[in-house]
N, C-alpha and C. Protein backbone atom coordinates (compact mmCIF):
# COMPACT_ATOMS: atom_id res chain seq x y z
N UNK A 1 -88.51 -5.14 63.79
CA UNK A 1 -86.92 -5.50 62.87
C UNK A 1 -86.10 -6.65 63.43
N UNK A 2 -85.25 -7.12 62.86
CA UNK A 2 -84.70 -8.27 63.01
C UNK A 2 -83.68 -7.92 64.04
N UNK A 3 -83.42 -8.79 64.36
CA UNK A 3 -82.16 -8.51 65.56
C UNK A 3 -80.64 -8.83 64.88
N UNK A 4 -79.97 -8.47 65.47
CA UNK A 4 -78.63 -8.67 64.60
C UNK A 4 -78.46 -10.39 64.96
N UNK A 5 -78.66 -10.79 65.65
CA UNK A 5 -78.42 -12.58 65.82
C UNK A 5 -79.02 -13.40 64.22
N UNK A 6 -80.25 -12.74 63.88
CA UNK A 6 -80.88 -12.93 63.03
C UNK A 6 -80.23 -12.44 61.26
N UNK A 7 -79.66 -11.30 61.84
CA UNK A 7 -78.59 -11.19 60.88
C UNK A 7 -77.54 -11.65 60.59
N UNK A 8 -76.85 -11.93 61.03
CA UNK A 8 -75.90 -13.21 61.10
C UNK A 8 -76.11 -14.36 60.83
N UNK A 9 -77.07 -14.74 60.94
CA UNK A 9 -77.79 -15.98 60.77
C UNK A 9 -77.76 -15.78 58.98
N UNK A 10 -77.69 -14.83 58.21
CA UNK A 10 -77.33 -15.33 56.75
C UNK A 10 -77.18 -15.11 56.43
N UNK A 11 -76.04 -14.78 57.18
CA UNK A 11 -74.15 -15.06 56.45
C UNK A 11 -73.43 -15.81 56.88
N UNK A 12 -72.74 -16.00 55.75
CA UNK A 12 -71.62 -17.38 56.22
C UNK A 12 -71.12 -17.83 57.56
N UNK A 13 -71.16 -16.67 58.59
CA UNK A 13 -70.35 -17.20 59.63
C UNK A 13 -68.82 -17.17 59.82
N UNK A 14 -68.42 -16.87 58.46
CA UNK A 14 -67.01 -16.60 59.01
C UNK A 14 -66.36 -14.86 59.32
N UNK A 15 -65.75 -14.62 60.71
CA UNK A 15 -65.58 -13.27 60.80
C UNK A 15 -63.89 -13.29 60.70
N UNK A 16 -63.19 -12.52 59.80
CA UNK A 16 -62.37 -12.56 59.55
C UNK A 16 -61.24 -11.42 60.87
N UNK A 17 -60.48 -12.03 61.00
CA UNK A 17 -59.17 -11.01 62.29
C UNK A 17 -57.92 -10.90 62.48
N UNK A 18 -57.39 -10.02 63.26
CA UNK A 18 -55.87 -9.69 62.97
C UNK A 18 -55.80 -9.58 64.15
N UNK A 19 -54.36 -9.90 64.40
CA UNK A 19 -53.54 -9.85 65.97
C UNK A 19 -53.00 -8.06 66.01
N UNK A 20 -53.11 -8.04 66.96
CA UNK A 20 -52.31 -6.97 67.72
C UNK A 20 -50.63 -6.07 66.87
N UNK A 21 -50.31 -7.69 67.01
CA UNK A 21 -48.80 -7.67 66.45
C UNK A 21 -48.59 -7.76 64.87
N UNK A 22 -49.15 -8.14 64.20
CA UNK A 22 -49.26 -8.41 62.80
C UNK A 22 -49.09 -7.13 62.44
N UNK A 23 -48.29 -7.20 60.53
CA UNK A 23 -48.24 -6.27 60.02
C UNK A 23 -49.68 -5.45 59.46
N UNK A 24 -49.68 -4.29 59.42
CA UNK A 24 -50.65 -3.08 58.32
C UNK A 24 -50.62 -4.04 57.31
N UNK A 25 -49.64 -4.49 56.74
CA UNK A 25 -49.00 -5.21 55.26
C UNK A 25 -49.96 -6.17 55.59
N UNK A 26 -50.46 -6.93 56.30
CA UNK A 26 -50.72 -7.79 56.39
C UNK A 26 -52.52 -8.11 57.08
N UNK A 27 -52.40 -7.10 57.48
CA UNK A 27 -53.81 -6.87 56.89
C UNK A 27 -55.13 -6.46 56.22
N UNK A 28 -53.71 -5.61 55.48
CA UNK A 28 -54.62 -4.99 53.75
C UNK A 28 -54.45 -6.46 52.78
N UNK A 29 -53.56 -6.81 53.12
CA UNK A 29 -53.40 -8.03 52.19
C UNK A 29 -55.10 -9.03 52.16
N UNK A 30 -54.92 -9.33 53.88
CA UNK A 30 -55.72 -10.41 53.96
C UNK A 30 -57.45 -9.71 54.03
N UNK A 31 -57.79 -8.30 54.27
CA UNK A 31 -59.18 -7.42 54.08
C UNK A 31 -59.21 -7.47 52.05
N UNK A 32 -57.83 -7.07 51.25
CA UNK A 32 -58.28 -7.56 50.14
C UNK A 32 -58.74 -8.89 49.63
N UNK A 33 -57.63 -10.14 50.37
CA UNK A 33 -58.16 -11.57 49.65
C UNK A 33 -59.98 -11.65 49.73
N UNK A 34 -60.18 -11.16 51.36
CA UNK A 34 -61.41 -11.93 51.24
C UNK A 34 -62.71 -10.89 50.95
N UNK A 35 -61.99 -9.55 50.81
CA UNK A 35 -62.70 -8.61 49.97
C UNK A 35 -63.97 -7.83 50.86
N UNK A 36 -63.45 -7.50 52.21
CA UNK A 36 -63.87 -6.77 53.38
C UNK A 36 -62.88 -5.60 53.78
N UNK A 37 -64.00 -4.74 54.03
CA UNK A 37 -63.15 -2.81 54.48
C UNK A 37 -62.37 -2.78 56.00
N UNK A 38 -62.99 -4.27 57.04
CA UNK A 38 -62.12 -3.48 58.45
C UNK A 38 -61.77 -4.86 58.69
N UNK A 39 -61.43 -5.40 59.60
CA UNK A 39 -60.85 -6.32 60.21
C UNK A 39 -60.99 -6.01 61.86
N UNK A 40 -61.20 -7.22 62.92
CA UNK A 40 -61.71 -7.38 63.58
C UNK A 40 -59.79 -7.26 64.59
N UNK A 41 -59.49 -7.06 65.43
CA UNK A 41 -58.53 -7.03 66.36
C UNK A 41 -58.79 -7.49 67.17
N UNK A 42 -57.62 -9.00 67.38
CA UNK A 42 -58.31 -9.56 68.68
C UNK A 42 -57.56 -10.33 69.18
N UNK A 43 -56.87 -10.54 70.18
CA UNK A 43 -55.87 -11.45 70.94
C UNK A 43 -56.39 -12.80 71.29
N UNK A 44 -56.02 -13.77 71.88
CA UNK A 44 -56.27 -15.21 72.33
C UNK A 44 -57.89 -15.25 72.57
N UNK A 45 -58.55 -16.66 72.73
CA UNK A 45 -59.39 -16.19 72.51
C UNK A 45 -60.66 -15.96 72.26
N UNK A 46 -60.46 -14.75 71.39
CA UNK A 46 -61.07 -14.38 70.00
C UNK A 46 -61.94 -13.02 71.25
N UNK A 47 -60.72 -12.41 71.73
CA UNK A 47 -61.47 -10.89 72.29
C UNK A 47 -61.08 -10.06 71.89
N UNK A 48 -61.80 -9.43 71.87
CA UNK A 48 -62.10 -8.01 70.49
C UNK A 48 -60.90 -6.71 71.94
N UNK A 49 -60.19 -6.33 70.66
CA UNK A 49 -59.58 -5.27 71.28
C UNK A 49 -59.45 -4.00 70.87
N UNK A 50 -59.88 -3.69 69.27
CA UNK A 50 -59.64 -3.27 68.27
C UNK A 50 -60.67 -3.11 66.87
N UNK A 51 -59.89 -2.12 65.88
CA UNK A 51 -60.31 -2.95 64.34
C UNK A 51 -59.99 -1.65 63.49
N UNK A 52 -59.23 -2.52 62.86
CA UNK A 52 -58.53 -1.58 61.81
C UNK A 52 -59.31 -2.05 60.30
N UNK A 53 -59.34 -0.66 59.88
CA UNK A 53 -59.97 -0.37 58.05
C UNK A 53 -59.40 0.32 57.73
N UNK A 54 -59.91 0.64 56.29
CA UNK A 54 -59.06 0.87 54.81
C UNK A 54 -59.05 2.27 55.36
N UNK A 55 -59.67 2.93 56.16
CA UNK A 55 -60.32 4.48 56.73
C UNK A 55 -58.53 4.82 57.70
N UNK A 56 -58.57 3.31 58.39
CA UNK A 56 -57.42 3.60 59.58
C UNK A 56 -56.19 3.70 58.49
N UNK A 57 -55.84 2.80 57.69
CA UNK A 57 -54.67 2.58 56.47
C UNK A 57 -54.51 3.84 55.81
N UNK A 58 -55.31 4.00 55.68
CA UNK A 58 -55.15 5.59 54.63
C UNK A 58 -54.89 6.71 55.30
N UNK A 59 -55.42 6.98 56.15
CA UNK A 59 -54.79 7.87 57.04
C UNK A 59 -54.14 8.11 58.08
N UNK A 60 -53.57 6.98 58.23
CA UNK A 60 -52.90 6.79 59.83
C UNK A 60 -50.98 5.71 59.11
N UNK A 61 -51.19 5.60 58.16
CA UNK A 61 -50.48 5.23 56.92
C UNK A 61 -49.80 6.02 56.04
N UNK A 62 -50.85 5.96 55.22
CA UNK A 62 -50.08 6.33 53.77
C UNK A 62 -50.35 7.58 53.88
N UNK A 63 -50.82 8.72 54.61
CA UNK A 63 -51.21 10.00 54.81
C UNK A 63 -49.95 10.43 55.61
N UNK A 64 -49.62 9.88 56.54
CA UNK A 64 -47.92 10.10 57.69
C UNK A 64 -46.94 9.54 56.48
N UNK A 65 -46.87 8.98 55.63
CA UNK A 65 -45.85 8.52 54.82
C UNK A 65 -45.28 7.43 55.90
N UNK A 66 -45.98 6.37 56.67
CA UNK A 66 -45.58 4.95 57.50
C UNK A 66 -45.38 4.34 56.19
N UNK A 67 -45.04 3.29 56.49
CA UNK A 67 -44.40 2.19 55.55
C UNK A 67 -45.51 1.17 56.39
N UNK A 68 -46.34 0.25 55.68
CA UNK A 68 -47.61 -0.65 55.78
C UNK A 68 -46.62 -2.27 56.14
N UNK A 69 -45.32 -2.08 55.86
CA UNK A 69 -44.75 -3.64 56.40
C UNK A 69 -44.26 -3.46 57.88
N UNK A 70 -43.52 -2.28 58.10
CA UNK A 70 -42.62 -2.16 58.94
C UNK A 70 -44.00 -1.54 60.38
N UNK A 71 -45.34 -1.50 60.27
CA UNK A 71 -46.02 -0.37 61.34
C UNK A 71 -46.98 -1.67 61.97
N UNK A 72 -46.96 -2.02 62.96
CA UNK A 72 -47.47 -2.96 63.50
C UNK A 72 -49.42 -2.49 63.31
N UNK A 73 -50.29 -3.64 63.46
CA UNK A 73 -51.70 -3.32 63.45
C UNK A 73 -51.88 -2.34 64.74
N UNK A 74 -51.41 -2.38 65.87
CA UNK A 74 -52.17 -2.08 67.18
C UNK A 74 -51.47 -0.41 66.77
N UNK A 75 -50.86 0.34 66.67
CA UNK A 75 -50.50 1.44 66.08
C UNK A 75 -51.16 1.94 65.64
N UNK A 76 -51.78 1.33 64.61
CA UNK A 76 -53.24 2.44 63.93
C UNK A 76 -54.73 1.97 63.94
N UNK A 77 -54.80 0.65 65.15
CA UNK A 77 -56.07 0.38 64.79
C UNK A 77 -56.57 1.48 66.20
N UNK A 78 -58.06 1.37 65.34
CA UNK A 78 -58.85 2.11 66.51
C UNK A 78 -59.38 1.37 68.06
N UNK A 79 -59.14 1.78 68.99
CA UNK A 79 -58.91 0.67 70.08
C UNK A 79 -60.31 1.12 70.69
N UNK A 80 -61.17 2.32 70.17
CA UNK A 80 -62.19 2.27 70.82
C UNK A 80 -63.08 2.41 69.75
N UNK A 81 -63.51 0.47 70.21
CA UNK A 81 -64.61 -0.17 69.16
C UNK A 81 -66.00 0.13 69.75
N UNK A 82 -66.55 0.20 68.08
CA UNK A 82 -68.33 0.23 68.59
C UNK A 82 -69.08 -0.81 68.36
N UNK A 83 -69.82 -1.45 69.41
CA UNK A 83 -69.90 -3.16 68.77
C UNK A 83 -71.45 -3.05 69.11
N UNK A 84 -71.84 -4.22 68.61
CA UNK A 84 -73.11 -4.47 68.96
C UNK A 84 -73.72 -5.86 69.36
N UNK A 85 -74.79 -6.13 69.93
CA UNK A 85 -74.80 -7.64 70.95
C UNK A 85 -75.83 -8.07 69.95
N UNK A 86 -76.16 -9.52 70.08
CA UNK A 86 -76.79 -10.51 69.42
C UNK A 86 -78.17 -9.86 69.37
N UNK A 87 -78.81 -9.31 70.55
CA UNK A 87 -80.26 -9.58 70.54
C UNK A 87 -81.02 -7.98 70.37
N UNK A 88 -79.65 -6.47 69.91
CA UNK A 88 -79.59 -5.62 69.22
C UNK A 88 -80.56 -5.80 68.08
N UNK A 89 -81.68 -4.55 67.81
CA UNK A 89 -82.17 -4.72 66.30
C UNK A 89 -81.36 -3.84 65.25
N UNK A 90 -81.58 -4.49 64.74
CA UNK A 90 -80.42 -3.77 63.08
C UNK A 90 -80.85 -2.52 62.98
N UNK A 91 -82.35 -1.96 62.98
CA UNK A 91 -81.92 -0.57 63.31
C UNK A 91 -81.63 0.37 63.77
N UNK A 92 -81.25 -0.22 65.38
CA UNK A 92 -80.21 0.26 66.24
C UNK A 92 -78.83 0.74 65.64
N UNK A 93 -78.61 -0.52 65.15
CA UNK A 93 -76.97 -0.55 64.30
C UNK A 93 -77.28 0.50 63.66
N UNK A 94 -77.64 0.91 62.55
CA UNK A 94 -78.36 1.77 61.82
C UNK A 94 -77.94 3.21 62.09
N UNK A 95 -78.57 3.62 63.19
CA UNK A 95 -78.41 4.35 63.89
C UNK A 95 -77.06 4.90 64.51
N UNK A 96 -76.46 4.13 64.89
CA UNK A 96 -75.08 3.96 65.90
C UNK A 96 -73.81 4.37 64.57
N UNK A 97 -74.25 3.45 63.68
CA UNK A 97 -73.18 3.34 62.63
C UNK A 97 -72.88 5.32 62.07
N UNK A 98 -74.50 5.71 61.74
CA UNK A 98 -74.79 6.95 61.14
C UNK A 98 -73.76 7.89 62.29
N UNK A 99 -74.36 7.44 63.16
CA UNK A 99 -74.10 8.36 64.50
C UNK A 99 -72.51 8.28 64.70
N UNK A 100 -71.92 7.57 64.31
CA UNK A 100 -70.48 7.84 64.84
C UNK A 100 -69.24 7.76 63.25
N UNK A 101 -70.36 7.32 62.29
CA UNK A 101 -69.43 7.46 60.96
C UNK A 101 -68.99 6.24 61.07
N UNK A 102 -69.04 5.29 60.90
CA UNK A 102 -68.35 4.07 60.89
C UNK A 102 -69.68 3.05 59.84
N UNK A 103 -68.63 2.32 59.19
CA UNK A 103 -69.25 1.30 57.98
C UNK A 103 -69.36 0.02 58.91
N UNK A 104 -69.06 -0.06 59.22
CA UNK A 104 -68.61 -1.78 60.11
C UNK A 104 -68.41 -1.61 62.07
N UNK A 105 -69.26 -3.12 62.49
CA UNK A 105 -70.15 -2.95 63.46
C UNK A 105 -69.35 -4.77 64.06
N UNK A 106 -68.22 -4.66 65.28
CA UNK A 106 -67.88 -6.00 65.46
C UNK A 106 -69.39 -6.43 66.47
N UNK A 107 -69.30 -7.94 66.40
CA UNK A 107 -70.66 -8.59 67.58
C UNK A 107 -70.19 -9.31 68.42
N UNK A 108 -70.62 -8.62 69.68
CA UNK A 108 -69.71 -9.28 70.96
C UNK A 108 -70.64 -9.99 71.59
N UNK A 109 -69.94 -11.27 72.58
CA UNK A 109 -70.78 -11.34 73.76
C UNK A 109 -69.46 -12.06 74.93
N UNK A 110 -70.11 -11.35 75.65
CA UNK A 110 -68.82 -11.55 76.86
C UNK A 110 -67.65 -10.86 76.21
N UNK A 111 -67.16 -9.66 75.82
CA UNK A 111 -66.23 -9.41 75.26
C UNK A 111 -65.13 -10.15 74.36
N UNK A 112 -66.22 -11.38 73.81
CA UNK A 112 -65.42 -11.89 72.43
C UNK A 112 -66.46 -12.08 71.51
N UNK A 113 -65.69 -11.77 70.16
CA UNK A 113 -65.73 -11.36 68.44
C UNK A 113 -66.84 -12.54 68.12
N UNK A 114 -68.25 -12.45 67.93
CA UNK A 114 -69.19 -13.71 67.30
C UNK A 114 -69.33 -13.26 65.88
N UNK A 115 -69.40 -11.85 65.56
CA UNK A 115 -69.40 -11.64 64.50
C UNK A 115 -68.93 -10.46 63.93
N UNK A 116 -69.32 -9.58 62.46
CA UNK A 116 -69.45 -8.59 62.60
C UNK A 116 -70.09 -8.70 61.18
N UNK A 117 -70.93 -7.17 61.25
CA UNK A 117 -72.01 -6.72 59.95
C UNK A 117 -71.51 -5.23 59.97
N UNK A 118 -71.83 -5.30 58.55
CA UNK A 118 -71.50 -4.22 57.75
C UNK A 118 -72.27 -2.95 57.14
N UNK A 119 -72.67 -1.73 56.82
CA UNK A 119 -73.62 -1.33 57.01
C UNK A 119 -73.89 -1.48 55.79
N UNK A 120 -73.38 -2.11 55.32
CA UNK A 120 -74.30 -2.91 53.46
C UNK A 120 -75.34 -3.59 53.62
N UNK A 121 -74.56 -4.69 54.96
CA UNK A 121 -75.85 -5.86 55.56
C UNK A 121 -76.85 -5.13 56.22
N UNK A 122 -76.54 -4.37 57.01
CA UNK A 122 -77.78 -3.26 57.91
C UNK A 122 -78.72 -2.83 56.62
N UNK A 123 -78.08 -1.84 55.44
CA UNK A 123 -78.95 -1.38 54.62
C UNK A 123 -79.65 -2.39 54.08
N UNK A 124 -78.55 -3.47 53.34
CA UNK A 124 -79.65 -5.20 52.78
C UNK A 124 -81.33 -5.29 53.66
N UNK A 125 -80.77 -5.14 55.30
CA UNK A 125 -82.02 -6.12 55.99
C UNK A 125 -82.76 -4.86 55.47
N UNK A 126 -82.49 -3.62 56.01
CA UNK A 126 -83.91 -2.68 56.53
C UNK A 126 -84.80 -3.04 54.75
N UNK A 127 -83.75 -2.59 53.67
CA UNK A 127 -84.99 -2.90 52.71
C UNK A 127 -85.61 -3.93 52.48
N UNK A 128 -84.81 -4.76 52.61
CA UNK A 128 -85.80 -6.18 52.61
C UNK A 128 -86.79 -6.56 53.84
N UNK A 129 -86.57 -5.94 55.01
CA UNK A 129 -87.53 -5.75 55.71
C UNK A 129 -89.52 -4.87 54.97
N UNK A 130 -87.95 -3.41 54.43
CA UNK A 130 -89.49 -2.37 53.68
C UNK A 130 -90.26 -2.86 52.65
N UNK A 131 -89.76 -3.47 51.86
CA UNK A 131 -90.11 -4.22 50.75
C UNK A 131 -90.63 -5.15 51.36
N UNK A 132 -91.16 -6.29 52.36
CA UNK A 132 -91.87 -7.10 52.32
C UNK A 132 -92.85 -6.39 53.44
N UNK A 133 -92.92 -5.44 53.92
CA UNK A 133 -94.43 -4.71 54.82
C UNK A 133 -94.87 -3.87 53.58
N UNK A 134 -94.31 -3.58 52.43
CA UNK A 134 -95.07 -2.77 51.16
C UNK A 134 -95.74 -4.08 50.16
N UNK A 135 -95.00 -5.05 49.98
CA UNK A 135 -95.99 -6.21 49.92
C UNK A 135 -97.35 -6.38 50.62
N UNK A 136 -97.08 -6.78 51.96
CA UNK A 136 -97.88 -7.01 52.88
C UNK A 136 -99.12 -6.11 52.36
N UNK A 137 -98.52 -4.70 52.32
CA UNK A 137 -99.69 -3.19 52.85
C UNK A 137 -100.18 -3.15 50.74
N UNK A 138 -99.67 -4.06 50.16
CA UNK A 138 -100.70 -3.89 48.74
C UNK A 138 -101.53 -4.87 48.42
N UNK A 139 -101.01 -5.98 49.31
CA UNK A 139 -102.22 -7.38 49.32
C UNK A 139 -103.02 -7.08 50.11
N UNK A 140 -102.64 -5.83 51.03
CA UNK A 140 -104.21 -5.91 52.35
C UNK A 140 -105.02 -4.97 51.21
N UNK A 141 -104.37 -4.12 50.44
CA UNK A 141 -105.40 -3.03 50.19
C UNK A 141 -106.31 -4.12 48.83
N UNK A 142 -105.90 -4.86 48.01
CA UNK A 142 -106.49 -5.77 46.95
C UNK A 142 -107.58 -6.67 47.43
N UNK A 143 -106.83 -6.79 48.81
CA UNK A 143 -108.25 -7.65 49.32
C UNK A 143 -109.41 -6.82 50.02
N UNK A 144 -109.05 -5.84 50.11
CA UNK A 144 -109.91 -4.56 50.98
C UNK A 144 -110.52 -4.18 49.87
N UNK A 145 -110.54 -4.10 48.62
CA UNK A 145 -110.98 -3.48 47.12
C UNK A 145 -111.85 -4.36 46.75
N UNK A 146 -111.65 -5.88 47.24
CA UNK A 146 -112.35 -6.43 46.65
C UNK A 146 -113.52 -7.42 47.52
N UNK A 147 -113.91 -6.55 48.57
CA UNK A 147 -114.69 -6.63 49.16
C UNK A 147 -115.77 -5.22 49.28
């Protein structure tokens, strides 16, 4: 199974983040512009302190009757962040994401944000690996039958 580091190499390398004092409106606007479902919340030098997702917005702003233009990211972000390390296997990330019912995992090194993976990234990687294994097995079976 591939590592998170190898998965990140396939991505464009861009990680979208926002500061804790920015407004939720700015966070939602950035998510929309970049077509992402979550942003890392960072302070100076990319130190990860939280994550804000569409789910946070829906449950903690819309359903609470708050204004996204008057609410700071820090007020609704998830500060208990589940994360991945570059040397972890992608399959471990899938287990963690399912267990905690989350769709995004920041990737950190020494408390600094170095990437973000989504459930879609993880599932795509697993499907690619399984397809490769199936092709190898089919090739092996054809080779065995020819002898």
